[in-house]
Amino acid sequence: VALTAEEITERIPAHVEISGVKYDTSETSQNALTRMMTLVTQSGMLQTDSVVVKDCLGASHTMTVEEFTADLIQFGLYCYNAFHS
C-alpha cells in the first residue's frame, strides 16, 4: 500500500532543511551535531577537508568543513529561535 504525502510527512522526524540536508532538530541530534563540531574544531581540520553527516532519514551527505560550519550556524539559529518562540 502506497503512503500518502501526508503519511510520509508524519513519519519524518522534526527537522530543518539546510543546503539540501534535513537536520533532525531533536535534542539528541542537536547535542550530536554540537559534539561533532567540537571534534572538527579541536582536531584542526582544514576548511577544505570533508566531513559526512547523516540527515533525519539516514542519508549521508559529504561536505567541506566550511560548508558544515555554515550549516551548523543556520541550524543553531533555527533551533534557538524555535526554543524561544
Protein backbone atom coordinates (compact mmCIF):
# COMPACT_ATOMS: atom_id res chain seq x y z
CA VAL A 1 0.00 0.00 0.00
CA ALA A 2 1.44 3.34 -1.02
CA LEU A 3 1.56 6.04 1.63
CA THR A 4 0.02 9.43 1.03
CA ALA A 5 2.23 12.52 1.10
CA GLU A 6 0.70 13.41 4.48
CA GLU A 7 1.55 9.97 5.93
CA ILE A 8 5.12 10.26 4.68
CA THR A 9 5.47 13.72 6.23
CA GLU A 10 4.12 12.44 9.56
CA ARG A 11 6.84 9.77 9.66
CA ILE A 12 9.73 12.16 9.11
CA PRO A 13 11.19 13.47 12.40
CA ALA A 14 11.03 17.19 13.17
CA HIS A 15 13.76 18.77 11.07
CA VAL A 16 15.03 21.82 9.27
CA GLU A 17 16.39 21.59 5.73
CA ILE A 18 19.63 23.48 5.13
CA SER A 19 21.64 23.12 1.91
CA GLY A 20 19.61 20.05 0.98
CA VAL A 21 20.27 18.26 4.29
CA LYS A 22 17.32 17.50 6.56
CA TYR A 23 18.85 18.14 10.00
CA ASP A 24 16.92 16.45 12.83
CA THR A 25 16.02 19.07 15.45
CA SER A 26 15.64 16.70 18.40
CA GLU A 27 17.70 17.50 21.48
CA THR A 28 19.75 14.33 20.89
CA SER A 29 20.63 15.44 17.36
CA GLN A 30 21.42 18.97 18.48
CA ASN A 31 23.86 17.55 21.02
CA ALA A 32 25.41 15.17 18.47
CA LEU A 33 25.99 17.97 15.96
CA THR A 34 27.49 20.17 18.67
CA ARG A 35 29.89 17.37 19.67
CA MET A 36 30.79 16.79 16.01
CA MET A 37 31.54 20.49 15.54
CA THR A 38 33.72 20.46 18.64
CA LEU A 39 35.67 17.47 17.32
CA VAL A 40 36.11 19.11 13.91
CA THR A 41 37.32 22.34 15.53
CA GLN A 42 39.60 20.71 18.10
CA SER A 43 41.16 18.37 15.55
CA GLY A 44 42.33 21.32 13.46
CA MET A 45 40.62 20.12 10.29
CA LEU A 46 41.09 22.45 7.36
CA GLN A 47 38.10 24.31 5.90
CA THR A 48 38.56 22.27 2.71
CA ASP A 49 38.56 18.88 4.48
CA SER A 50 35.47 16.70 4.06
CA VAL A 51 33.02 15.57 6.71
CA VAL A 52 29.98 13.31 6.39
CA VAL A 53 26.68 13.91 8.18
CA LYS A 54 23.53 11.80 8.19
CA ASP A 55 20.21 13.52 7.77
CA CYS A 56 16.99 12.67 9.62
CA LEU A 57 16.24 10.00 7.01
CA GLY A 58 19.63 8.33 7.41
CA ALA A 59 21.06 9.56 4.09
CA SER A 60 24.76 10.51 4.18
CA HIS A 61 25.89 13.91 2.91
CA THR A 62 29.54 14.77 2.28
CA MET A 63 30.54 18.41 2.60
CA THR A 64 33.54 20.54 3.44
CA VAL A 65 34.23 21.74 6.96
CA GLU A 66 33.44 25.24 5.73
CA GLU A 67 30.01 24.14 4.46
CA PHE A 68 29.35 22.14 7.64
CA THR A 69 30.21 25.14 9.81
CA ALA A 70 27.89 27.40 7.80
CA ASP A 71 25.08 24.81 8.04
CA LEU A 72 25.59 24.45 11.78
CA ILE A 73 25.33 28.20 12.32
CA GLN A 74 21.99 28.23 10.47
CA PHE A 75 20.89 25.09 12.35
CA GLY A 76 21.77 26.65 15.70
CA LEU A 77 19.89 29.84 14.90
CA TYR A 78 16.86 27.85 13.79
CA CYS A 79 16.85 25.76 16.99
CA TYR A 80 17.43 28.84 19.17
CA ASN A 81 14.53 30.70 17.56
CA ALA A 82 12.27 27.64 17.82
CA PHE A 83 13.12 27.34 21.52
CA HIS A 84 12.26 30.98 22.19
CA SER A 85 9.05 31.15 20.18
